[in-house]
Amino acid sequence: MKVKAFTLVELLIVVIIVAVLSAIALPIFRQNSVKAKEASLKSSLSLLRNAVSQFEIEHNCSPDDLEDLTDPGPPIDCWLSSGIKTVFAPRAWKSSPLVWPGPDDPSQTGIGTMPKDPISRNNYLISRPAGGRMIVRSSASGFDSRGVAFSSY
């Protein structure tokens, strides 16, 4: 009676084929993961910049820090276009999502909880040039898949 089985050579050929296919597929999956993080970074930066703009419209000044965006009450510290810091009533700090009264709707509106930089997994960087307006940037070092520095996002 003859036993039907795979030979060692046939098994090795199958293992080699699987290894070659994996070597082809894994870089593509990694590249898609990197592109997804870059898209998430661009989206989060856009939302934060829009939140800063809405804050500026609402309070006629720029927020002192990103945490000012999480409090629906008036800010303590606020930056005017002249660069002078002004003080408002004390802030009743709440660990709430980014919420504040919307221009069209008196109810609370916002963009959710404070996001982290998806590339560096740290807080976003803020800068304030001479005009006093807050600029939100990525805290990631290095370059994206197109060779653009994350710090220029």
N, C-alpha and C. Protein backbone atom coordinates (compact mmCIF):
# COMPACT_ATOMS: atom_id res chain seq x y z
N MET A 1 0.83 -1.18 0.00
CA MET A 1 0.00 0.00 0.00
C MET A 1 0.89 1.25 0.00
N LYS A 2 0.56 2.19 -0.89
CA LYS A 2 1.34 3.40 -1.05
C LYS A 2 0.68 4.55 -0.27
N VAL A 3 1.46 5.24 0.58
CA VAL A 3 0.95 6.35 1.38
C VAL A 3 1.06 7.65 0.57
N LYS A 4 -0.05 8.41 0.50
CA LYS A 4 -0.04 9.68 -0.21
C LYS A 4 0.34 10.78 0.77
N ALA A 5 1.39 11.53 0.44
CA ALA A 5 1.87 12.60 1.31
C ALA A 5 2.66 13.59 0.48
N PHE A 6 2.87 14.78 1.06
CA PHE A 6 3.71 15.78 0.40
C PHE A 6 5.16 15.45 0.65
N THR A 7 5.97 15.74 -0.34
CA THR A 7 7.41 15.54 -0.15
C THR A 7 7.99 16.79 0.50
N LEU A 8 9.19 16.67 1.01
CA LEU A 8 9.87 17.79 1.64
C LEU A 8 10.10 18.91 0.63
N VAL A 9 10.40 18.60 -0.58
CA VAL A 9 10.62 19.60 -1.63
C VAL A 9 9.34 20.38 -1.89
N GLU A 10 8.20 19.71 -1.96
CA GLU A 10 6.93 20.40 -2.19
C GLU A 10 6.60 21.34 -1.03
N LEU A 11 6.84 20.93 0.18
CA LEU A 11 6.59 21.79 1.34
C LEU A 11 7.52 23.00 1.33
N LEU A 12 8.77 22.81 0.99
CA LEU A 12 9.71 23.93 0.93
C LEU A 12 9.32 24.93 -0.15
N ILE A 13 8.82 24.45 -1.26
CA ILE A 13 8.37 25.35 -2.34
C ILE A 13 7.18 26.18 -1.86
N VAL A 14 6.26 25.58 -1.16
CA VAL A 14 5.10 26.32 -0.63
C VAL A 14 5.55 27.37 0.37
N VAL A 15 6.47 27.01 1.26
CA VAL A 15 6.98 27.97 2.25
C VAL A 15 7.68 29.13 1.56
N ILE A 16 8.46 28.86 0.54
CA ILE A 16 9.16 29.93 -0.20
C ILE A 16 8.15 30.84 -0.89
N ILE A 17 7.11 30.27 -1.49
CA ILE A 17 6.09 31.10 -2.16
C ILE A 17 5.39 32.00 -1.15
N VAL A 18 5.03 31.47 0.01
CA VAL A 18 4.39 32.28 1.06
C VAL A 18 5.33 33.38 1.53
N ALA A 19 6.60 33.07 1.70
CA ALA A 19 7.57 34.08 2.14
C ALA A 19 7.72 35.20 1.11
N VAL A 20 7.76 34.86 -0.16
CA VAL A 20 7.88 35.88 -1.22
C VAL A 20 6.63 36.76 -1.24
N LEU A 21 5.46 36.16 -1.15
CA LEU A 21 4.22 36.96 -1.14
C LEU A 21 4.16 37.87 0.08
N SER A 22 4.60 37.39 1.23
CA SER A 22 4.64 38.22 2.44
C SER A 22 5.62 39.37 2.27
N ALA A 23 6.76 39.10 1.68
CA ALA A 23 7.75 40.15 1.45
C ALA A 23 7.22 41.23 0.52
N ILE A 24 6.35 40.87 -0.37
CA ILE A 24 5.74 41.85 -1.27
C ILE A 24 4.63 42.62 -0.57
N ALA A 25 3.81 41.95 0.23
CA ALA A 25 2.62 42.56 0.82
C ALA A 25 2.92 43.43 2.04
N LEU A 26 3.84 43.04 2.90
CA LEU A 26 4.07 43.78 4.14
C LEU A 26 4.49 45.24 3.93
N PRO A 27 5.41 45.54 3.03
CA PRO A 27 5.73 46.96 2.82
C PRO A 27 4.54 47.80 2.35
N ILE A 28 3.66 47.19 1.58
CA ILE A 28 2.47 47.92 1.12
C ILE A 28 1.56 48.23 2.30
N PHE A 29 1.38 47.26 3.19
CA PHE A 29 0.56 47.51 4.37
C PHE A 29 1.19 48.57 5.27
N ARG A 30 2.49 48.52 5.45
CA ARG A 30 3.18 49.53 6.27
C ARG A 30 3.06 50.92 5.66
N GLN A 31 3.20 51.00 4.34
CA GLN A 31 3.08 52.28 3.66
C GLN A 31 1.67 52.85 3.83
N ASN A 32 0.66 51.99 3.72
CA ASN A 32 -0.72 52.46 3.92
C ASN A 32 -0.94 52.92 5.35
N SER A 33 -0.32 52.27 6.31
CA SER A 33 -0.43 52.69 7.71
C SER A 33 0.19 54.07 7.92
N VAL A 34 1.34 54.30 7.31
CA VAL A 34 2.00 55.61 7.42
C VAL A 34 1.14 56.69 6.77
N LYS A 35 0.58 56.40 5.60
CA LYS A 35 -0.27 57.38 4.92
C LYS A 35 -1.54 57.67 5.72
N ALA A 36 -2.08 56.67 6.41
CA ALA A 36 -3.26 56.88 7.24
C ALA A 36 -2.93 57.80 8.42
N LYS A 37 -1.75 57.62 9.03
CA LYS A 37 -1.34 58.50 10.13
C LYS A 37 -1.13 59.92 9.64
N GLU A 38 -0.56 60.06 8.45
CA GLU A 38 -0.37 61.40 7.88
C GLU A 38 -1.71 62.07 7.62
N ALA A 39 -2.67 61.34 7.10
CA ALA A 39 -4.00 61.89 6.86
C ALA A 39 -4.68 62.28 8.16
N SER A 40 -4.50 61.46 9.19
CA SER A 40 -5.06 61.77 10.50
C SER A 40 -4.42 63.03 11.08
N LEU A 41 -3.12 63.18 10.89
CA LEU A 41 -2.42 64.37 11.37
C LEU A 41 -2.96 65.62 10.68
N LYS A 42 -3.10 65.57 9.37
CA LYS A 42 -3.62 66.72 8.64
C LYS A 42 -5.04 67.06 9.08
N SER A 43 -5.86 66.04 9.29
CA SER A 43 -7.23 66.26 9.72
C SER A 43 -7.29 66.89 11.12
N SER A 44 -6.49 66.36 12.04
CA SER A 44 -6.47 66.89 13.41
C SER A 44 -5.97 68.33 13.43
N LEU A 45 -4.93 68.61 12.66
CA LEU A 45 -4.42 69.98 12.60
C LEU A 45 -5.47 70.93 12.03
N SER A 46 -6.19 70.48 11.02
CA SER A 46 -7.25 71.31 10.45
C SER A 46 -8.34 71.60 11.47
N LEU A 47 -8.75 70.57 12.23
CA LEU A 47 -9.77 70.76 13.26
C LEU A 47 -9.29 71.72 14.35
N LEU A 48 -8.04 71.55 14.80
CA LEU A 48 -7.52 72.43 15.84
C LEU A 48 -7.41 73.87 15.35
N ARG A 49 -6.95 74.05 14.13
CA ARG A 49 -6.84 75.41 13.58
C ARG A 49 -8.21 76.05 13.43
N ASN A 50 -9.20 75.26 13.03
CA ASN A 50 -10.57 75.79 12.95
C ASN A 50 -11.09 76.14 14.34
N ALA A 51 -10.74 75.31 15.35
CA ALA A 51 -11.17 75.60 16.72
C ALA A 51 -10.54 76.89 17.21
N VAL A 52 -9.27 77.11 16.89
CA VAL A 52 -8.60 78.36 17.29
C VAL A 52 -9.28 79.55 16.60
N SER A 53 -9.59 79.40 15.32
CA SER A 53 -10.28 80.49 14.60
C SER A 53 -11.65 80.78 15.20
N GLN A 54 -12.39 79.73 15.56
CA GLN A 54 -13.70 79.93 16.17
C GLN A 54 -13.55 80.61 17.53
N PHE A 55 -12.54 80.22 18.31
CA PHE A 55 -12.28 80.86 19.59
C PHE A 55 -12.00 82.34 19.39
N GLU A 56 -11.17 82.66 18.38
CA GLU A 56 -10.82 84.06 18.11
C GLU A 56 -12.05 84.87 17.73
N ILE A 57 -12.96 84.27 16.95
CA ILE A 57 -14.19 84.96 16.58
C ILE A 57 -15.07 85.18 17.82
N GLU A 58 -15.15 84.15 18.65
CA GLU A 58 -16.02 84.20 19.82
C GLU A 58 -15.54 85.20 20.89
N HIS A 59 -14.20 85.24 21.13
CA HIS A 59 -13.67 86.04 22.23
C HIS A 59 -12.88 87.26 21.77
N ASN A 60 -12.77 87.49 20.47
CA ASN A 60 -12.02 88.61 19.92
C ASN A 60 -10.56 88.63 20.37
N CYS A 61 -9.98 87.47 20.57
CA CYS A 61 -8.58 87.35 20.93
C CYS A 61 -8.16 85.90 20.69
N SER A 62 -6.86 85.66 20.76
CA SER A 62 -6.33 84.33 20.52
C SER A 62 -6.21 83.58 21.84
N PRO A 63 -6.45 82.26 21.87
CA PRO A 63 -6.32 81.51 23.13
C PRO A 63 -4.87 81.50 23.62
N ASP A 64 -4.72 81.41 24.93
CA ASP A 64 -3.39 81.37 25.53
C ASP A 64 -2.73 80.02 25.28
N ASP A 65 -3.51 78.95 25.34
CA ASP A 65 -3.00 77.61 25.09
C ASP A 65 -4.14 76.76 24.54
N LEU A 66 -3.83 75.53 24.13
CA LEU A 66 -4.86 74.67 23.55
C LEU A 66 -5.91 74.26 24.58
N GLU A 67 -5.55 74.25 25.86
CA GLU A 67 -6.51 73.88 26.90
C GLU A 67 -7.64 74.90 27.00
N ASP A 68 -7.39 76.14 26.57
CA ASP A 68 -8.47 77.13 26.56
C ASP A 68 -9.62 76.69 25.65
N LEU A 69 -9.32 75.86 24.68
CA LEU A 69 -10.36 75.39 23.75
C LEU A 69 -11.28 74.37 24.39
N THR A 70 -10.85 73.77 25.50
CA THR A 70 -11.66 72.74 26.15
C THR A 70 -12.64 73.31 27.15
N ASP A 71 -12.55 74.59 27.46
CA ASP A 71 -13.40 75.20 28.47
C ASP A 71 -14.42 76.12 27.81
N PRO A 72 -15.71 75.87 28.01
CA PRO A 72 -16.72 76.73 27.39
C PRO A 72 -16.81 78.11 28.03
N GLY A 73 -16.23 78.29 29.21
CA GLY A 73 -16.26 79.58 29.88
C GLY A 73 -15.27 80.55 29.29
N PRO A 74 -15.32 81.81 29.70
CA PRO A 74 -14.36 82.79 29.18
C PRO A 74 -12.95 82.45 29.66
N PRO A 75 -11.95 82.74 28.86
CA PRO A 75 -10.57 82.40 29.23
C PRO A 75 -10.01 83.34 30.29
N ILE A 76 -9.01 82.85 31.01
CA ILE A 76 -8.29 83.72 31.95
C ILE A 76 -7.30 84.58 31.19
N ASP A 77 -6.46 83.94 30.39
CA ASP A 77 -5.44 84.65 29.63
C ASP A 77 -5.82 84.61 28.16
N CYS A 78 -5.68 85.74 27.50
CA CYS A 78 -6.06 85.84 26.11
C CYS A 78 -5.09 86.79 25.42
N TRP A 79 -4.74 86.49 24.18
CA TRP A 79 -3.79 87.31 23.44
C TRP A 79 -4.51 88.16 22.42
N LEU A 80 -4.24 89.46 22.46
CA LEU A 80 -4.79 90.38 21.48
C LEU A 80 -3.83 90.50 20.31
N SER A 81 -4.29 91.11 19.21
CA SER A 81 -3.43 91.24 18.03
C SER A 81 -2.19 92.07 18.32
N SER A 82 -2.26 92.96 19.31
CA SER A 82 -1.09 93.78 19.67
C SER A 82 -0.08 92.99 20.49
N GLY A 83 -0.40 91.75 20.84
CA GLY A 83 0.51 90.92 21.60
C GLY A 83 0.38 91.11 23.10
N ILE A 84 -0.56 91.95 23.55
CA ILE A 84 -0.74 92.19 24.97
C ILE A 84 -1.63 91.12 25.55
N LYS A 85 -1.23 90.58 26.67
CA LYS A 85 -1.99 89.54 27.33
C LYS A 85 -3.02 90.22 28.24
N THR A 86 -4.26 89.83 28.14
CA THR A 86 -5.30 90.40 28.98
C THR A 86 -5.87 89.31 29.88
N VAL A 87 -6.44 89.72 30.99
CA VAL A 87 -6.97 88.76 31.96
C VAL A 87 -8.47 88.95 32.08
N PHE A 88 -9.19 87.84 31.96
CA PHE A 88 -10.63 87.84 32.12
C PHE A 88 -10.98 87.22 33.46
N ALA A 89 -12.24 86.97 33.68
CA ALA A 89 -12.70 86.33 34.92
C ALA A 89 -12.06 84.96 35.07
N PRO A 90 -11.90 84.45 36.30
CA PRO A 90 -11.29 83.13 36.49
C PRO A 90 -12.04 82.05 35.74
N ARG A 91 -11.29 81.13 35.22
CA ARG A 91 -11.85 80.04 34.43
C ARG A 91 -12.34 78.95 35.37
N ALA A 92 -13.55 78.46 35.12
CA ALA A 92 -14.06 77.30 35.85
C ALA A 92 -13.66 76.08 35.04
N TRP A 93 -12.48 75.54 35.33
CA TRP A 93 -11.92 74.45 34.53
C TRP A 93 -12.78 73.21 34.60
N LYS A 94 -13.05 72.65 33.44
CA LYS A 94 -13.80 71.40 33.34
C LYS A 94 -13.04 70.52 32.36
N SER A 95 -12.93 69.25 32.67
CA SER A 95 -12.27 68.34 31.73
C SER A 95 -13.30 67.87 30.71
N SER A 96 -13.75 68.80 29.92
CA SER A 96 -14.78 68.52 28.93
C SER A 96 -14.14 68.50 27.54
N PRO A 97 -14.86 68.02 26.53
CA PRO A 97 -14.32 68.09 25.18
C PRO A 97 -14.24 69.52 24.70
N LEU A 98 -13.65 69.71 23.54
CA LEU A 98 -13.56 71.04 22.96
C LEU A 98 -14.97 71.54 22.67
N VAL A 99 -15.50 72.36 23.55
CA VAL A 99 -16.86 72.86 23.37
C VAL A 99 -16.90 74.35 23.66
N TRP A 100 -17.73 75.06 22.96
CA TRP A 100 -18.01 76.47 23.20
C TRP A 100 -19.26 76.82 22.42
N PRO A 101 -19.91 77.91 22.75
CA PRO A 101 -21.13 78.25 22.01
C PRO A 101 -20.82 78.51 20.54
N GLY A 102 -21.58 77.90 19.66
CA GLY A 102 -21.39 78.10 18.23
C GLY A 102 -22.02 79.40 17.77
N PRO A 103 -21.57 79.95 16.63
CA PRO A 103 -22.12 81.23 16.16
C PRO A 103 -23.57 81.13 15.71
N ASP A 104 -23.99 79.94 15.21
CA ASP A 104 -25.35 79.79 14.72
C ASP A 104 -26.29 79.14 15.74
N ASP A 105 -25.70 78.48 16.70
CA ASP A 105 -26.49 77.70 17.64
C ASP A 105 -26.03 78.03 19.05
N PRO A 106 -26.90 78.50 19.93
CA PRO A 106 -26.49 78.83 21.28
C PRO A 106 -26.11 77.61 22.12
N SER A 107 -26.47 76.41 21.66
CA SER A 107 -26.09 75.22 22.42
C SER A 107 -24.59 74.97 22.27
N GLN A 108 -24.04 74.11 23.10
CA GLN A 108 -22.61 73.83 23.06
C GLN A 108 -22.26 73.00 21.83
N THR A 109 -21.26 73.45 21.10
CA THR A 109 -20.76 72.71 19.95
C THR A 109 -19.26 72.55 20.10
N GLY A 110 -18.67 71.60 19.36
CA GLY A 110 -17.23 71.42 19.47
C GLY A 110 -16.73 70.31 18.58
N ILE A 111 -15.48 69.92 18.77
CA ILE A 111 -14.89 68.91 17.90
C ILE A 111 -14.46 67.65 18.66
N GLY A 112 -14.84 67.48 19.89
CA GLY A 112 -14.47 66.27 20.63
C GLY A 112 -13.33 66.52 21.58
N THR A 113 -12.69 65.45 22.03
CA THR A 113 -11.61 65.57 22.99
C THR A 113 -10.33 66.05 22.32
N MET A 114 -9.41 66.55 23.13
CA MET A 114 -8.16 67.09 22.61
C MET A 114 -7.34 65.97 21.98
N PRO A 115 -7.08 66.05 20.68
CA PRO A 115 -6.33 64.98 20.02
C PRO A 115 -4.83 65.09 20.28
N LYS A 116 -4.14 63.97 20.12
CA LYS A 116 -2.68 63.93 20.19
C LYS A 116 -2.14 63.82 18.77
N ASP A 117 -0.91 64.22 18.59
CA ASP A 117 -0.25 64.08 17.29
C ASP A 117 -0.13 62.59 16.97
N PRO A 118 -0.75 62.10 15.89
CA PRO A 118 -0.73 60.66 15.61
C PRO A 118 0.65 60.13 15.22
N ILE A 119 1.55 60.99 14.80
CA ILE A 119 2.89 60.54 14.41
C ILE A 119 3.78 60.43 15.64
N SER A 120 3.87 61.50 16.44
CA SER A 120 4.75 61.49 17.63
C SER A 120 4.04 60.99 18.88
N ARG A 121 2.72 60.97 18.86
CA ARG A 121 1.88 60.59 20.01
C ARG A 121 2.07 61.53 21.21
N ASN A 122 2.47 62.76 20.92
CA ASN A 122 2.62 63.80 21.94
C ASN A 122 1.62 64.90 21.66
N ASN A 123 1.61 65.92 22.53
CA ASN A 123 0.76 67.08 22.30
C ASN A 123 1.27 67.85 21.09
N TYR A 124 0.38 68.62 20.49
CA TYR A 124 0.77 69.47 19.38
C TYR A 124 1.58 70.64 19.90
N LEU A 125 2.42 71.22 19.04
CA LEU A 125 3.21 72.38 19.40
C LEU A 125 2.44 73.64 19.02
N ILE A 126 2.57 74.65 19.85
CA ILE A 126 1.98 75.94 19.52
C ILE A 126 3.08 76.98 19.50
N SER A 127 2.92 77.95 18.62
CA SER A 127 3.85 79.08 18.58
C SER A 127 3.02 80.34 18.43
N ARG A 128 3.64 81.44 18.78
CA ARG A 128 2.94 82.72 18.73
C ARG A 128 3.90 83.76 18.16
N PRO A 129 3.82 84.02 16.84
CA PRO A 129 4.69 85.05 16.27
C PRO A 129 4.32 86.43 16.78
N ALA A 130 4.98 87.43 16.28
CA ALA A 130 4.81 88.80 16.78
C ALA A 130 3.36 89.27 16.80
N GLY A 131 2.52 88.77 15.88
CA GLY A 131 1.13 89.20 15.83
C GLY A 131 0.28 88.69 16.97
N GLY A 132 0.78 87.71 17.74
CA GLY A 132 0.04 87.20 18.88
C GLY A 132 -0.91 86.06 18.55
N ARG A 133 -1.11 85.76 17.28
CA ARG A 133 -2.04 84.70 16.89
C ARG A 133 -1.40 83.33 17.09
N MET A 134 -2.14 82.40 17.68
CA MET A 134 -1.64 81.06 17.94
C MET A 134 -1.55 80.26 16.64
N ILE A 135 -0.41 79.59 16.47
CA ILE A 135 -0.21 78.70 15.34
C ILE A 135 0.00 77.29 15.89
N VAL A 136 -0.77 76.33 15.41
CA VAL A 136 -0.68 74.94 15.86
C VAL A 136 0.09 74.14 14.82
N ARG A 137 1.11 73.41 15.29
CA ARG A 137 1.95 72.60 14.40
C ARG A 137 2.12 71.19 14.96
N SER A 138 2.57 70.29 14.10
CA SER A 138 2.85 68.92 14.51
C SER A 138 4.10 68.89 15.39
N SER A 139 4.11 68.01 16.39
CA SER A 139 5.28 67.85 17.25
C SER A 139 6.19 66.73 16.76
N ALA A 140 5.85 66.12 15.62
CA ALA A 140 6.65 65.02 15.09
C ALA A 140 7.90 65.55 14.40
N SER A 141 8.98 64.79 14.53
CA SER A 141 10.20 65.13 13.80
C SER A 141 10.27 64.23 12.57
N GLY A 142 11.07 64.60 11.62
CA GLY A 142 11.22 63.78 10.42
C GLY A 142 10.36 64.27 9.28
N PHE A 143 10.19 63.37 8.30
CA PHE A 143 9.51 63.73 7.06
C PHE A 143 8.40 62.73 6.75
N ASP A 144 7.40 63.20 6.00
CA ASP A 144 6.32 62.31 5.60
C ASP A 144 6.72 61.50 4.38
N SER A 145 5.78 60.75 3.83
CA SER A 145 6.08 59.86 2.71
C SER A 145 6.42 60.61 1.42
N ARG A 146 6.11 61.90 1.38
CA ARG A 146 6.45 62.71 0.20
C ARG A 146 7.73 63.52 0.41
N GLY A 147 8.33 63.40 1.60
CA GLY A 147 9.56 64.13 1.89
C GLY A 147 9.34 65.50 2.50
N VAL A 148 8.12 65.82 2.90
CA VAL A 148 7.79 67.11 3.52
C VAL A 148 7.97 66.97 5.03
N ALA A 149 8.61 67.93 5.65
CA ALA A 149 8.85 67.88 7.10
C ALA A 149 7.52 67.99 7.85
N PHE A 150 7.34 67.16 8.87
CA PHE A 150 6.13 67.23 9.68
C PHE A 150 6.00 68.58 10.36
N SER A 151 7.13 69.20 10.69
CA SER A 151 7.10 70.50 11.38
C SER A 151 6.52 71.60 10.49
N SER A 152 6.43 71.36 9.18
CA SER A 152 5.85 72.37 8.29
C SER A 152 4.36 72.17 8.09
N TYR A 153 3.79 71.12 8.67
CA TYR A 153 2.35 70.89 8.54
C TYR A 153 1.59 71.98 9.23
